[in-house]
PDB file of all heavy atoms in Angstrom:
ATOM      1  N   ALA A   1       5.986   9.606   2.183  1.00  0.00           N
ATOM      2  CA  ALA A   1       6.162   8.951   3.484  1.00  0.00           C
ATOM      3  C   ALA A   1       6.736   9.892   4.531  1.00  0.00           C
ATOM      4  O   ALA A   1       6.537   9.683   5.737  1.00  0.00           O
ATOM      5  CB  ALA A   1       7.071   7.733   3.328  1.00  0.00           C
ATOM      6  N   VAL A   2       7.427  10.915   4.105  1.00  0.00           N
ATOM      7  CA  VAL A   2       8.001  11.887   5.039  1.00  0.00           C
ATOM      8  C   VAL A   2       7.044  13.059   5.260  1.00  0.00           C
ATOM      9  O   VAL A   2       6.797  13.478   6.391  1.00  0.00           O
ATOM     10  CB  VAL A   2       9.362  12.380   4.527  1.00  0.00           C
ATOM     11  CG1 VAL A   2       9.876  13.526   5.398  1.00  0.00           C
ATOM     12  CG2 VAL A   2      10.373  11.237   4.499  1.00  0.00           C
ATOM     13  N   GLN A   3       6.488  13.605   4.174  1.00  0.00           N
ATOM     14  CA  GLN A   3       5.606  14.763   4.289  1.00  0.00           C
ATOM     15  C   GLN A   3       4.251  14.384   4.895  1.00  0.00           C
ATOM     16  O   GLN A   3       3.736  15.066   5.760  1.00  0.00           O
ATOM     17  CB  GLN A   3       5.399  15.406   2.906  1.00  0.00           C
ATOM     18  CG  GLN A   3       6.686  15.869   2.249  1.00  0.00           C
ATOM     19  CD  GLN A   3       7.400  16.942   3.035  1.00  0.00           C
ATOM     20  OE1 GLN A   3       6.749  17.755   3.711  1.00  0.00           O
ATOM     21  NE2 GLN A   3       8.721  16.977   2.938  1.00  0.00           N
ATOM     22  N   LYS A   4       3.639  13.308   4.384  1.00  0.00           N
ATOM     23  CA  LYS A   4       2.413  12.700   4.905  1.00  0.00           C
ATOM     24  C   LYS A   4       1.176  13.589   4.767  1.00  0.00           C
ATOM     25  O   LYS A   4       1.266  14.815   4.743  1.00  0.00           O
ATOM     26  CB  LYS A   4       2.571  12.289   6.377  1.00  0.00           C
ATOM     27  CG  LYS A   4       3.733  11.352   6.615  1.00  0.00           C
ATOM     28  CD  LYS A   4       3.847  11.020   8.087  1.00  0.00           C
ATOM     29  CE  LYS A   4       5.068  10.138   8.313  1.00  0.00           C
ATOM     30  NZ  LYS A   4       5.285   9.888   9.736  1.00  0.00           N
ATOM     31  N   ARG A   5       0.066  12.929   4.707  1.00  0.00           N
ATOM     32  CA  ARG A   5      -1.208  13.618   4.828  1.00  0.00           C
ATOM     33  C   ARG A   5      -1.410  13.970   6.304  1.00  0.00           C
ATOM     34  O   ARG A   5      -1.060  13.180   7.197  1.00  0.00           O
ATOM     35  CB  ARG A   5      -2.341  12.719   4.330  1.00  0.00           C
ATOM     36  CG  ARG A   5      -3.722  13.317   4.445  1.00  0.00           C
ATOM     37  CD  ARG A   5      -4.747  12.424   3.784  1.00  0.00           C
ATOM     38  NE  ARG A   5      -4.644  12.463   2.322  1.00  0.00           N
ATOM     39  CZ  ARG A   5      -5.345  11.682   1.504  1.00  0.00           C
ATOM     40  NH1 ARG A   5      -6.182  10.785   2.003  1.00  0.00           N
ATOM     41  NH2 ARG A   5      -5.205  11.802   0.200  1.00  0.00           N
ATOM     42  N   ALA A   6      -1.994  15.125   6.578  1.00  0.00           N
ATOM     43  CA  ALA A   6      -2.112  15.614   7.956  1.00  0.00           C
ATOM     44  C   ALA A   6      -2.834  14.620   8.863  1.00  0.00           C
ATOM     45  O   ALA A   6      -2.472  14.445  10.039  1.00  0.00           O
ATOM     46  CB  ALA A   6      -2.843  16.954   7.965  1.00  0.00           C
ATOM     47  N   SER A   7      -3.842  13.924   8.316  1.00  0.00           N
ATOM     48  CA  SER A   7      -4.622  13.000   9.137  1.00  0.00           C
ATOM     49  C   SER A   7      -3.835  11.757   9.537  1.00  0.00           C
ATOM     50  O   SER A   7      -4.249  11.024  10.437  1.00  0.00           O
ATOM     51  CB  SER A   7      -5.896  12.582   8.400  1.00  0.00           C
ATOM     52  OG  SER A   7      -5.592  12.065   7.117  1.00  0.00           O
ATOM     53  N   PHE A   8      -2.686  11.531   8.888  1.00  0.00           N
ATOM     54  CA  PHE A   8      -1.860  10.368   9.218  1.00  0.00           C
ATOM     55  C   PHE A   8      -0.469  10.781   9.708  1.00  0.00           C
ATOM     56  O   PHE A   8       0.462   9.980   9.700  1.00  0.00           O
ATOM     57  CB  PHE A   8      -1.711   9.455   7.999  1.00  0.00           C
ATOM     58  CG  PHE A   8      -3.012   8.973   7.416  1.00  0.00           C
ATOM     59  CD1 PHE A   8      -3.314   9.188   6.082  1.00  0.00           C
ATOM     60  CD2 PHE A   8      -3.937   8.307   8.211  1.00  0.00           C
ATOM     61  CE1 PHE A   8      -4.500   8.742   5.540  1.00  0.00           C
ATOM     62  CE2 PHE A   8      -5.135   7.857   7.677  1.00  0.00           C
ATOM     63  CZ  PHE A   8      -5.431   8.078   6.336  1.00  0.00           C
ATOM     64  N   ALA A   9      -0.346  12.001  10.157  1.00  0.00           N
ATOM     65  CA  ALA A   9       0.969  12.528  10.531  1.00  0.00           C
ATOM     66  C   ALA A   9       1.604  11.797  11.702  1.00  0.00           C
ATOM     67  O   ALA A   9       2.828  11.820  11.865  1.00  0.00           O
ATOM     68  CB  ALA A   9       0.848  14.017  10.855  1.00  0.00           C
ATOM     69  N   ASP A  10       0.799  11.125  12.505  1.00  0.00           N
ATOM     70  CA  ASP A  10       1.327  10.420  13.681  1.00  0.00           C
ATOM     71  C   ASP A  10       1.696   8.968  13.372  1.00  0.00           C
ATOM     72  O   ASP A  10       2.068   8.221  14.278  1.00  0.00           O
ATOM     73  CB  ASP A  10       0.309  10.452  14.815  1.00  0.00           C
ATOM     74  CG  ASP A  10      -1.015   9.777  14.447  1.00  0.00           C
ATOM     75  OD1 ASP A  10      -1.275   9.586  13.233  1.00  0.00           O
ATOM     76  OD2 ASP A  10      -1.792   9.453  15.367  1.00  0.00           O
ATOM     77  N   GLN A  11       1.606   8.572  12.102  1.00  0.00           N
ATOM     78  CA  GLN A  11       1.874   7.186  11.718  1.00  0.00           C
ATOM     79  C   GLN A  11       3.141   7.066  10.877  1.00  0.00           C
ATOM     80  O   GLN A  11       3.452   7.972  10.095  1.00  0.00           O
ATOM     81  CB  GLN A  11       0.716   6.628  10.879  1.00  0.00           C
ATOM     82  CG  GLN A  11      -0.611   6.550  11.572  1.00  0.00           C
ATOM     83  CD  GLN A  11      -1.664   5.925  10.673  1.00  0.00           C
ATOM     84  OE1 GLN A  11      -1.356   5.273   9.681  1.00  0.00           O
ATOM     85  NE2 GLN A  11      -2.927   6.130  11.043  1.00  0.00           N
ATOM     86  N   PRO A  12       3.842   5.938  10.993  1.00  0.00           N
ATOM     87  CA  PRO A  12       4.903   5.663  10.019  1.00  0.00           C
ATOM     88  C   PRO A  12       4.273   5.227   8.705  1.00  0.00           C
ATOM     89  O   PRO A  12       3.212   4.596   8.696  1.00  0.00           O
ATOM     90  CB  PRO A  12       5.688   4.519  10.659  1.00  0.00           C
ATOM     91  CG  PRO A  12       4.681   3.812  11.518  1.00  0.00           C
ATOM     92  CD  PRO A  12       3.709   4.869  11.998  1.00  0.00           C
ATOM     93  N   TYR A  13       4.894   5.600   7.599  1.00  0.00           N
ATOM     94  CA  TYR A  13       4.457   5.166   6.278  1.00  0.00           C
ATOM     95  C   TYR A  13       5.391   4.066   5.778  1.00  0.00           C
ATOM     96  O   TYR A  13       6.608   4.157   5.921  1.00  0.00           O
ATOM     97  CB  TYR A  13       4.521   6.336   5.288  1.00  0.00           C
ATOM     98  CG  TYR A  13       3.278   7.177   5.163  1.00  0.00           C
ATOM     99  CD1 TYR A  13       2.611   7.670   6.281  1.00  0.00           C
ATOM    100  CD2 TYR A  13       2.800   7.522   3.911  1.00  0.00           C
ATOM    101  CE1 TYR A  13       1.495   8.479   6.150  1.00  0.00           C
ATOM    102  CE2 TYR A  13       1.678   8.330   3.753  1.00  0.00           C
ATOM    103  CZ  TYR A  13       1.019   8.814   4.880  1.00  0.00           C
ATOM    104  OH  TYR A  13      -0.078   9.616   4.741  1.00  0.00           O
ATOM    105  N   TRP A  14       4.802   3.062   5.157  1.00  0.00           N
ATOM    106  CA  TRP A  14       5.581   1.997   4.518  1.00  0.00           C
ATOM    107  C   TRP A  14       6.587   2.594   3.534  1.00  0.00           C
ATOM    108  O   TRP A  14       7.772   2.316   3.590  1.00  0.00           O
ATOM    109  CB  TRP A  14       4.615   1.038   3.833  1.00  0.00           C
ATOM    110  CG  TRP A  14       5.198  -0.019   2.964  1.00  0.00           C
ATOM    111  CD1 TRP A  14       5.228  -0.034   1.600  1.00  0.00           C
ATOM    112  CD2 TRP A  14       5.796  -1.250   3.380  1.00  0.00           C
ATOM    113  NE1 TRP A  14       5.812  -1.184   1.137  1.00  0.00           N
ATOM    114  CE2 TRP A  14       6.169  -1.946   2.213  1.00  0.00           C
ATOM    115  CE3 TRP A  14       6.051  -1.833   4.617  1.00  0.00           C
ATOM    116  CZ2 TRP A  14       6.788  -3.199   2.247  1.00  0.00           C
ATOM    117  CZ3 TRP A  14       6.671  -3.077   4.653  1.00  0.00           C
ATOM    118  CH2 TRP A  14       7.034  -3.741   3.488  1.00  0.00           C
ATOM    119  N   GLY A  15       6.120   3.363   2.565  1.00  0.00           N
ATOM    120  CA  GLY A  15       6.988   4.115   1.676  1.00  0.00           C
ATOM    121  C   GLY A  15       7.885   3.284   0.778  1.00  0.00           C
ATOM    122  O   GLY A  15       8.936   3.767   0.336  1.00  0.00           O
ATOM    123  N   ARG A  16       7.488   2.041   0.499  1.00  0.00           N
ATOM    124  CA  ARG A  16       8.266   1.133  -0.345  1.00  0.00           C
ATOM    125  C   ARG A  16       7.351   0.496  -1.395  1.00  0.00           C
ATOM    126  O   ARG A  16       6.136   0.687  -1.347  1.00  0.00           O
ATOM    127  CB  ARG A  16       8.921   0.044   0.526  1.00  0.00           C
ATOM    128  CG  ARG A  16      10.059   0.543   1.384  1.00  0.00           C
ATOM    129  CD  ARG A  16      10.424  -0.412   2.508  1.00  0.00           C
ATOM    130  NE  ARG A  16      10.469  -1.812   2.135  1.00  0.00           N
ATOM    131  CZ  ARG A  16      10.389  -2.829   3.008  1.00  0.00           C
ATOM    132  NH1 ARG A  16      10.260  -2.582   4.317  1.00  0.00           N
ATOM    133  NH2 ARG A  16      10.438  -4.076   2.602  1.00  0.00           N
ATOM    134  N   PRO A  17       7.893  -0.253  -2.344  1.00  0.00           N
ATOM    135  CA  PRO A  17       7.018  -0.963  -3.283  1.00  0.00           C
ATOM    136  C   PRO A  17       6.113  -1.948  -2.547  1.00  0.00           C
ATOM    137  O   PRO A  17       6.477  -2.465  -1.484  1.00  0.00           O
ATOM    138  CB  PRO A  17       8.001  -1.707  -4.193  1.00  0.00           C
ATOM    139  CG  PRO A  17       9.310  -1.017  -4.019  1.00  0.00           C
ATOM    140  CD  PRO A  17       9.316  -0.502  -2.619  1.00  0.00           C
ATOM    141  N   ILE A  18       4.951  -2.223  -3.144  1.00  0.00           N
ATOM    142  CA  ILE A  18       3.977  -3.118  -2.527  1.00  0.00           C
ATOM    143  C   ILE A  18       4.016  -4.475  -3.223  1.00  0.00           C
ATOM    144  O   ILE A  18       3.690  -4.575  -4.415  1.00  0.00           O
ATOM    145  CB  ILE A  18       2.553  -2.543  -2.621  1.00  0.00           C
ATOM    146  CG1 ILE A  18       2.510  -1.107  -2.093  1.00  0.00           C
ATOM    147  CG2 ILE A  18       1.576  -3.429  -1.873  1.00  0.00           C
ATOM    148  CD1 ILE A  18       2.777  -0.971  -0.625  1.00  0.00           C
ATOM    149  N   PRO A  19       4.397  -5.529  -2.518  1.00  0.00           N
ATOM    150  CA  PRO A  19       4.380  -6.865  -3.134  1.00  0.00           C
ATOM    151  C   PRO A  19       2.966  -7.395  -3.269  1.00  0.00           C
ATOM    152  O   PRO A  19       2.023  -6.868  -2.678  1.00  0.00           O
ATOM    153  CB  PRO A  19       5.202  -7.709  -2.153  1.00  0.00           C
ATOM    154  CG  PRO A  19       5.003  -7.040  -0.825  1.00  0.00           C
ATOM    155  CD  PRO A  19       4.878  -5.565  -1.121  1.00  0.00           C
ATOM    156  N   GLY A  20       2.815  -8.459  -4.058  1.00  0.00           N
ATOM    157  CA  GLY A  20       1.534  -9.144  -4.110  1.00  0.00           C
ATOM    158  C   GLY A  20       1.163  -9.664  -2.733  1.00  0.00           C
ATOM    159  O   GLY A  20       2.023  -9.925  -1.889  1.00  0.00           O
ATOM    160  N   TRP A  21      -0.149  -9.827  -2.520  1.00  0.00           N
ATOM    161  CA  TRP A  21      -0.616 -10.227  -1.190  1.00  0.00           C
ATOM    162  C   TRP A  21      -1.848 -11.116  -1.323  1.00  0.00           C
ATOM    163  O   TRP A  21      -2.710 -10.896  -2.173  1.00  0.00           O
ATOM    164  CB  TRP A  21      -0.964  -8.986  -0.368  1.00  0.00           C
ATOM    165  CG  TRP A  21      -1.530  -9.299   0.984  1.00  0.00           C
ATOM    166  CD1 TRP A  21      -0.846  -9.689   2.105  1.00  0.00           C
ATOM    167  CD2 TRP A  21      -2.913  -9.294   1.355  1.00  0.00           C
ATOM    168  NE1 TRP A  21      -1.714  -9.915   3.147  1.00  0.00           N
ATOM    169  CE2 TRP A  21      -2.986  -9.685   2.712  1.00  0.00           C
ATOM    170  CE3 TRP A  21      -4.089  -9.005   0.661  1.00  0.00           C
ATOM    171  CZ2 TRP A  21      -4.192  -9.777   3.399  1.00  0.00           C
ATOM    172  CZ3 TRP A  21      -5.295  -9.107   1.340  1.00  0.00           C
ATOM    173  CH2 TRP A  21      -5.342  -9.477   2.691  1.00  0.00           C
ATOM    174  N   GLY A  22      -1.915 -12.136  -0.457  1.00  0.00           N
ATOM    175  CA  GLY A  22      -3.088 -12.990  -0.419  1.00  0.00           C
ATOM    176  C   GLY A  22      -2.722 -14.452  -0.406  1.00  0.00           C
ATOM    177  O   GLY A  22      -1.632 -14.843   0.016  1.00  0.00           O
ATOM    178  N   ASP A  23      -3.638 -15.271  -0.885  1.00  0.00           N
ATOM    179  CA  ASP A  23      -3.467 -16.715  -0.915  1.00  0.00           C
ATOM    180  C   ASP A  23      -2.309 -17.079  -1.844  1.00  0.00           C
ATOM    181  O   ASP A  23      -2.257 -16.596  -2.978  1.00  0.00           O
ATOM    182  CB  ASP A  23      -4.776 -17.349  -1.426  1.00  0.00           C
ATOM    183  CG  ASP A  23      -4.861 -18.844  -1.164  1.00  0.00           C
ATOM    184  OD1 ASP A  23      -3.831 -19.534  -1.309  1.00  0.00           O
ATOM    185  OD2 ASP A  23      -5.961 -19.325  -0.841  1.00  0.00           O
ATOM    186  N   PRO A  24      -1.358 -17.925  -1.411  1.00  0.00           N
ATOM    187  CA  PRO A  24      -0.247 -18.303  -2.286  1.00  0.00           C
ATOM    188  C   PRO A  24      -0.652 -19.286  -3.381  1.00  0.00           C
ATOM    189  O   PRO A  24       0.130 -19.515  -4.312  1.00  0.00           O
ATOM    190  CB  PRO A  24       0.759 -18.944  -1.320  1.00  0.00           C
ATOM    191  CG  PRO A  24      -0.074 -19.456  -0.194  1.00  0.00           C
ATOM    192  CD  PRO A  24      -1.203 -18.477  -0.052  1.00  0.00           C
ATOM    193  N   GLU A  25      -1.859 -19.865  -3.281  1.00  0.00           N
ATOM    194  CA  GLU A  25      -2.360 -20.770  -4.318  1.00  0.00           C
ATOM    195  C   GLU A  25      -3.772 -20.323  -4.720  1.00  0.00           C
ATOM    196  O   GLU A  25      -4.761 -21.023  -4.516  1.00  0.00           O
ATOM    197  CB  GLU A  25      -2.365 -22.212  -3.819  1.00  0.00           C
ATOM    198  CG  GLU A  25      -0.964 -22.753  -3.522  1.00  0.00           C
ATOM    199  CD  GLU A  25      -0.979 -24.198  -3.105  1.00  0.00           C
ATOM    200  OE1 GLU A  25      -2.069 -24.747  -2.823  1.00  0.00           O
ATOM    201  OE2 GLU A  25       0.100 -24.802  -3.071  1.00  0.00           O
ATOM    202  N   PRO A  26      -3.875 -19.149  -5.317  1.00  0.00           N
ATOM    203  CA  PRO A  26      -5.192 -18.574  -5.591  1.00  0.00           C
ATOM    204  C   PRO A  26      -5.802 -19.100  -6.887  1.00  0.00           C
ATOM    205  O   PRO A  26      -5.099 -19.445  -7.836  1.00  0.00           O
ATOM    206  CB  PRO A  26      -4.890 -17.086  -5.724  1.00  0.00           C
ATOM    207  CG  PRO A  26      -3.516 -17.075  -6.342  1.00  0.00           C
ATOM    208  CD  PRO A  26      -2.788 -18.245  -5.731  1.00  0.00           C
ATOM    209  N   SER A  27      -7.120 -19.114  -6.936  1.00  0.00           N
ATOM    210  CA  SER A  27      -7.805 -19.324  -8.210  1.00  0.00           C
ATOM    211  C   SER A  27      -8.154 -17.980  -8.850  1.00  0.00           C
ATOM    212  O   SER A  27      -8.333 -17.899 -10.068  1.00  0.00           O
ATOM    213  CB  SER A  27      -9.075 -20.155  -8.006  1.00  0.00           C
ATOM    214  OG  SER A  27      -9.947 -19.548  -7.061  1.00  0.00           O
ATOM    215  N   LEU A  28      -8.218 -16.926  -8.030  1.00  0.00           N
ATOM    216  CA  LEU A  28      -8.531 -15.578  -8.505  1.00  0.00           C
ATOM    217  C   LEU A  28      -7.369 -14.638  -8.237  1.00  0.00           C
ATOM    218  O   LEU A  28      -6.812 -14.631  -7.133  1.00  0.00           O
ATOM    219  CB  LEU A  28      -9.779 -15.038  -7.781  1.00  0.00           C
ATOM    220  CG  LEU A  28     -10.079 -13.542  -7.941  1.00  0.00           C
ATOM    221  CD1 LEU A  28     -10.442 -13.211  -9.387  1.00  0.00           C
ATOM    222  CD2 LEU A  28     -11.194 -13.120  -6.990  1.00  0.00           C
ATOM    223  N   LEU A  29      -7.016 -13.842  -9.241  1.00  0.00           N
ATOM    224  CA  LEU A  29      -6.017 -12.789  -9.081  1.00  0.00           C
ATOM    225  C   LEU A  29      -6.667 -11.459  -9.431  1.00  0.00           C
ATOM    226  O   LEU A  29      -7.262 -11.312 -10.507  1.00  0.00           O
ATOM    227  CB  LEU A  29      -4.819 -13.033  -9.989  1.00  0.00           C
ATOM    228  CG  LEU A  29      -3.637 -12.064  -9.829  1.00  0.00           C
ATOM    229  CD1 LEU A  29      -2.959 -12.260  -8.469  1.00  0.00           C
ATOM    230  CD2 LEU A  29      -2.626 -12.245 -10.956  1.00  0.00           C
ATOM    231  N   VAL A  30      -6.590 -10.490  -8.527  1.00  0.00           N
ATOM    232  CA  VAL A  30      -7.104  -9.139  -8.759  1.00  0.00           C
ATOM    233  C   VAL A  30      -5.925  -8.248  -9.134  1.00  0.00           C
ATOM    234  O   VAL A  30      -4.939  -8.172  -8.396  1.00  0.00           O
ATOM    235  CB  VAL A  30      -7.811  -8.588  -7.509  1.00  0.00           C
ATOM    236  CG1 VAL A  30      -8.353  -7.186  -7.779  1.00  0.00           C
ATOM    237  CG2 VAL A  30      -8.940  -9.524  -7.073  1.00  0.00           C
ATOM    238  N   VAL A  31      -6.028  -7.591 -10.284  1.00  0.00           N
ATOM    239  CA  VAL A  31      -4.929  -6.769 -10.798  1.00  0.00           C
ATOM    240  C   VAL A  31      -5.381  -5.315 -10.893  1.00  0.00           C
ATOM    241  O   VAL A  31      -6.394  -5.017 -11.527  1.00  0.00           O
ATOM    242  CB  VAL A  31      -4.458  -7.261 -12.181  1.00  0.00           C
ATOM    243  CG1 VAL A  31      -3.362  -6.355 -12.734  1.00  0.00           C
ATOM    244  CG2 VAL A  31      -3.948  -8.700 -12.092  1.00  0.00           C
ATOM    245  N   GLY A  32      -4.619  -4.429 -10.267  1.00  0.00           N
ATOM    246  CA  GLY A  32      -4.918  -3.003 -10.319  1.00  0.00           C
ATOM    247  C   GLY A  32      -3.780  -2.204 -10.903  1.00  0.00           C
ATOM    248  O   GLY A  32      -2.792  -2.756 -11.407  1.00  0.00           O
ATOM    249  N   LEU A  33      -3.900  -0.890 -10.817  1.00  0.00           N
ATOM    250  CA  LEU A  33      -2.927   0.018 -11.403  1.00  0.00           C
ATOM    251  C   LEU A  33      -1.676   0.129 -10.547  1.00  0.00           C
ATOM    252  O   LEU A  33      -0.589  -0.331 -10.936  1.00  0.00           O
ATOM    253  CB  LEU A  33      -3.573   1.394 -11.598  1.00  0.00           C
ATOM    254  CG  LEU A  33      -2.651   2.594 -11.880  1.00  0.00           C
ATOM    255  CD1 LEU A  33      -1.819   2.360 -13.124  1.00  0.00           C
ATOM    256  CD2 LEU A  33      -3.469   3.868 -12.008  1.00  0.00           C
ATOM    257  N   ALA A  34      -1.799   0.733  -9.391  1.00  0.00           N
ATOM    258  CA  ALA A  34      -0.643   1.020  -8.536  1.00  0.00           C
ATOM    259  C   ALA A  34      -1.149   1.364  -7.140  1.00  0.00           C
ATOM    260  O   ALA A  34      -2.321   1.702  -6.960  1.00  0.00           O
ATOM    261  CB  ALA A  34       0.161   2.192  -9.101  1.00  0.00           C
ATOM    262  N   PRO A  35      -0.278   1.306  -6.125  1.00  0.00           N
ATOM    263  CA  PRO A  35      -0.695   1.689  -4.773  1.00  0.00           C
ATOM    264  C   PRO A  35      -1.068   3.167  -4.699  1.00  0.00           C
ATOM    265  O   PRO A  35      -0.529   4.002  -5.436  1.00  0.00           O
ATOM    266  CB  PRO A  35       0.553   1.410  -3.922  1.00  0.00           C
ATOM    267  CG  PRO A  35       1.409   0.519  -4.745  1.00  0.00           C
ATOM    268  CD  PRO A  35       1.120   0.853  -6.170  1.00  0.00           C
ATOM    269  N   ALA A  36      -1.978   3.490  -3.807  1.00  0.00           N
ATOM    270  CA  ALA A  36      -2.321   4.888  -3.545  1.00  0.00           C
ATOM    271  C   ALA A  36      -1.275   5.497  -2.614  1.00  0.00           C
ATOM    272  O   ALA A  36      -0.760   4.822  -1.716  1.00  0.00           O
ATOM    273  CB  ALA A  36      -3.705   4.984  -2.916  1.00  0.00           C
ATOM    274  N   ALA A  37      -0.985   6.775  -2.807  1.00  0.00           N
ATOM    275  CA  ALA A  37       0.074   7.433  -2.041  1.00  0.00           C
ATOM    276  C   ALA A  37      -0.171   7.363  -0.542  1.00  0.00           C
ATOM    277  O   ALA A  37       0.761   7.142   0.246  1.00  0.00           O
ATOM    278  CB  ALA A  37       0.197   8.886  -2.488  1.00  0.00           C
ATOM    279  N   ASN A  38      -1.434   7.548  -0.116  1.00  0.00           N
ATOM    280  CA  ASN A  38      -1.765   7.511   1.308  1.00  0.00           C
ATOM    281  C   ASN A  38      -2.578   6.271   1.674  1.00  0.00           C
ATOM    282  O   ASN A  38      -3.133   6.197   2.773  1.00  0.00           O
ATOM    283  CB  ASN A  38      -2.531   8.778   1.687  1.00  0.00           C
ATOM    284  CG  ASN A  38      -1.679  10.019   1.527  1.00  0.00           C
ATOM    285  OD1 ASN A  38      -0.794  10.290   2.323  1.00  0.00           O
ATOM    286  ND2 ASN A  38      -1.930  10.774   0.451  1.00  0.00           N
ATOM    287  N   GLY A  39      -2.631   5.302   0.757  1.00  0.00           N
ATOM    288  CA  GLY A  39      -3.282   4.024   1.010  1.00  0.00           C
ATOM    289  C   GLY A  39      -2.228   2.951   1.187  1.00  0.00           C
ATOM    290  O   GLY A  39      -1.610   2.828   2.239  1.00  0.00           O
ATOM    291  N   GLY A  40      -1.995   2.172   0.119  1.00  0.00           N
ATOM    292  CA  GLY A  40      -1.000   1.116   0.200  1.00  0.00           C
ATOM    293  C   GLY A  40       0.392   1.616   0.537  1.00  0.00           C
ATOM    294  O   GLY A  40       1.149   0.954   1.256  1.00  0.00           O
ATOM    295  N   ASN A  41       0.742   2.793   0.041  1.00  0.00           N
ATOM    296  CA  ASN A  41       2.061   3.361   0.340  1.00  0.00           C
ATOM    297  C   ASN A  41       2.219   3.680   1.825  1.00  0.00           C
ATOM    298  O   ASN A  41       3.328   3.718   2.350  1.00  0.00           O
ATOM    299  CB  ASN A  41       2.271   4.626  -0.489  1.00  0.00           C
ATOM    300  CG  ASN A  41       3.685   5.155  -0.401  1.00  0.00           C
ATOM    301  OD1 ASN A  41       4.647   4.460  -0.726  1.00  0.00           O
ATOM    302  ND2 ASN A  41       3.829   6.409   0.040  1.00  0.00           N
ATOM    303  N   ARG A  42       1.099   3.855   2.508  1.00  0.00           N
ATOM    304  CA  ARG A  42       1.116   4.103   3.952  1.00  0.00           C
ATOM    305  C   ARG A  42       1.024   2.799   4.744  1.00  0.00           C
ATOM    306  O   ARG A  42       1.766   2.595   5.712  1.00  0.00           O
ATOM    307  CB  ARG A  42      -0.054   5.026   4.335  1.00  0.00           C
ATOM    308  CG  ARG A  42      -0.260   5.203   5.842  1.00  0.00           C
ATOM    309  CD  ARG A  42      -1.389   6.191   6.120  1.00  0.00           C
ATOM    310  NE  ARG A  42      -2.663   5.750   5.590  1.00  0.00           N
ATOM    311  CZ  ARG A  42      -3.543   4.985   6.243  1.00  0.00           C
ATOM    312  NH1 ARG A  42      -3.262   4.566   7.476  1.00  0.00           N
ATOM    313  NH2 ARG A  42      -4.687   4.642   5.683  1.00  0.00           N
TER     314      ARG A  42
END
C-alpha cells in the first residue's frame, strides 16, 4: 500500500483485510484464495 505499483501511484490503497461483500441473504457464495496485492488490497 505504500510502495504501490507504478500505474496506481496516484491512488490510496486500502491496505487492510478484505471483508465479505455482496448480498446479506445470498443463495450463492463465491469463495476464493485471498485478495490480490494490487487488486482487492488496493
